[in-house]
Each structure stands twice: as C-alpha cells, then as structure tokens.
C-alpha cells in the first residue's frame, strides 16, 4: 500500500468523520451531524457539498419553512470509498510498525516445543 491508495476526498478529517457517521446510520439529519462533529453550519455545508459532488452522499430536504430538515445518506460508492480508504490507512500504519518482539513466555514455549 502507498499514499496513492488513499482517497483524496476522504483525506480531510471532517469529510472522513462525516462519512464515518453516515456509514453507521441509514439517514442522518444535518443538526445531528453538525453537533456530533462540532462544526458550524457553513463548514458542515461545505464538507457535505464536496461529498455530494463526488457521489459519496445523497441529500434529501423534507418539510417546509421552519420545519424544513436536511438529511444525508451515504451512497454505495461512498461506503465503498470509505472502506477502501480505511483499509489503505490500516495497511500504511501496519506496514510501518516493527514486528512484535517475542515475549519471554513465547520464547520459553518455543524452546520447549523443539
């Protein structure tokens, strides 16, 4: 795995966090997402517009006037992109870790089994 395997859209923490919330729910209302991610209305709108433009999220507006609510849902393409991005992150991190050192009890067990 390399940096090329990371999704550039999901490489920002706000978009990644939003997709993480959407991946665990069918529909998510704007105010819940705003409060959960601790973003301003304008910042959340900007992040969600970017995710919508690449086809990772759909938007539904329901109601009228003061009762109007905005709902988001991850698309199948968005869910797949999130899974792939997470796998690429995991691979990058795991590839950079040194191999685990044998524990003393592991060394004793290994010498007994010879």
Protein backbone atom coordinates (compact mmCIF):
# COMPACT_ATOMS: atom_id res chain seq x y z
CA UNK A 1 0.00 0.00 0.00
CA UNK A 2 1.07 3.57 -0.64
CA UNK A 3 -0.22 7.09 -0.28
CA UNK A 4 -1.73 6.75 -3.77
CA UNK A 5 -4.22 4.25 -2.32
CA UNK A 6 -5.75 6.90 -0.04
CA UNK A 7 -8.88 8.64 -1.27
CA UNK A 8 -8.05 12.36 -1.62
CA UNK A 9 -11.64 13.34 -0.83
CA UNK A 10 -11.58 11.41 2.45
CA UNK A 11 -8.11 12.55 3.43
CA UNK A 12 -9.52 15.50 5.35
CA UNK A 13 -10.63 14.75 8.88
CA UNK A 14 -14.02 16.47 8.57
CA UNK A 15 -15.11 14.55 5.50
CA UNK A 16 -13.74 11.29 6.90
CA UNK A 17 -15.61 11.83 10.18
CA UNK A 18 -18.84 12.68 8.37
CA UNK A 19 -18.60 9.53 6.25
CA UNK A 20 -17.88 7.52 9.40
CA UNK A 21 -21.14 8.73 10.94
CA UNK A 22 -23.09 8.15 7.74
CA UNK A 23 -21.69 4.64 7.36
CA UNK A 24 -23.29 3.67 10.66
CA UNK A 25 -26.78 5.01 10.00
CA UNK A 26 -29.36 4.93 7.24
CA UNK A 27 -30.15 8.66 7.27
CA UNK A 28 -28.53 11.41 9.31
CA UNK A 29 -30.10 14.81 9.91
CA UNK A 30 -27.99 17.95 9.42
CA UNK A 31 -28.26 19.17 13.02
CA UNK A 32 -27.22 15.78 14.44
CA UNK A 33 -24.19 15.68 12.18
CA UNK A 34 -23.31 19.31 12.99
CA UNK A 35 -23.45 18.70 16.74
CA UNK A 36 -21.71 15.32 16.60
CA UNK A 37 -18.82 16.68 14.52
CA UNK A 38 -18.79 20.06 16.31
CA UNK A 39 -18.84 22.04 13.06
CA UNK A 40 -20.53 25.29 12.14
CA UNK A 41 -23.45 25.24 9.72
CA UNK A 42 -21.35 26.74 6.94
CA UNK A 43 -18.42 24.35 7.47
CA UNK A 44 -20.66 21.28 7.52
CA UNK A 45 -22.48 22.51 4.40
CA UNK A 46 -19.15 22.89 2.61
CA UNK A 47 -17.96 19.40 3.60
CA UNK A 48 -21.25 17.76 2.65
CA UNK A 49 -21.41 19.61 -0.69
CA UNK A 50 -17.98 18.20 -1.57
CA UNK A 51 -19.08 14.66 -0.63
CA UNK A 52 -22.28 15.07 -2.64
CA UNK A 53 -20.42 16.36 -5.71
CA UNK A 54 -18.28 13.21 -5.89
CA UNK A 55 -21.30 10.96 -5.39
CA UNK A 56 -20.46 9.73 -1.88
CA UNK A 57 -23.58 11.23 -0.27
CA UNK A 58 -27.17 11.95 -1.24
CA UNK A 59 -29.20 14.83 0.20
CA UNK A 60 -32.92 14.98 0.91
CA UNK A 61 -34.75 18.05 2.15
CA UNK A 62 -38.05 17.43 3.90
CA UNK A 63 -40.67 19.80 5.26
CA UNK A 64 -41.42 23.47 4.71
CA UNK A 65 -40.40 26.71 6.37
CA UNK A 66 -39.11 26.37 9.92
CA UNK A 67 -39.88 22.63 9.81
CA UNK A 68 -37.57 22.02 6.85
CA UNK A 69 -34.84 19.47 7.60
CA UNK A 70 -31.86 18.25 5.57
CA UNK A 71 -30.97 14.56 5.64
CA UNK A 72 -27.85 12.83 4.34
CA UNK A 73 -27.23 9.24 3.33
CA UNK A 74 -24.01 7.54 2.22
CA UNK A 75 -24.26 6.06 -1.27
CA UNK A 76 -22.92 2.61 -2.08
CA UNK A 77 -19.99 4.33 -3.83
CA UNK A 78 -19.36 6.42 -0.71
CA UNK A 79 -19.47 3.39 1.56
CA UNK A 80 -17.08 1.51 -0.72
CA UNK A 81 -14.71 4.50 -0.85
CA UNK A 82 -14.74 4.73 2.94
CA UNK A 83 -13.95 1.02 3.36
CA UNK A 84 -11.12 1.26 0.82
CA UNK A 85 -9.71 4.39 2.46
CA UNK A 86 -9.78 2.79 5.91
CA UNK A 87 -8.07 -0.32 4.54
CA UNK A 88 -5.36 1.83 2.93
CA UNK A 89 -4.83 3.70 6.23
CA UNK A 90 -4.60 0.43 8.15
CA UNK A 91 -2.14 -1.03 5.65
CA UNK A 92 0.06 2.07 5.76
CA UNK A 93 0.16 2.05 9.55
CA UNK A 94 0.68 -1.69 9.90
CA UNK A 95 3.40 -1.72 7.23
CA UNK A 96 5.32 0.92 9.16
CA UNK A 97 5.28 -0.89 12.52
CA UNK A 98 8.24 -3.02 13.54
CA UNK A 99 7.50 -6.71 14.05
CA UNK A 100 6.42 -7.54 17.59
CA UNK A 101 9.18 -8.67 19.94
CA UNK A 102 8.75 -12.16 21.35
CA UNK A 103 7.52 -12.16 24.90
CA UNK A 104 9.57 -14.13 27.47
CA UNK A 105 6.86 -16.76 27.79
CA UNK A 106 6.72 -17.15 24.00
CA UNK A 107 10.48 -17.82 23.90
CA UNK A 108 10.15 -20.44 26.66
CA UNK A 109 7.27 -22.19 24.85
CA UNK A 110 9.25 -22.19 21.60
CA UNK A 111 12.30 -23.77 23.24
CA UNK A 112 10.15 -26.44 24.93
CA UNK A 113 8.49 -27.44 21.67
CA UNK A 114 11.86 -28.17 19.99
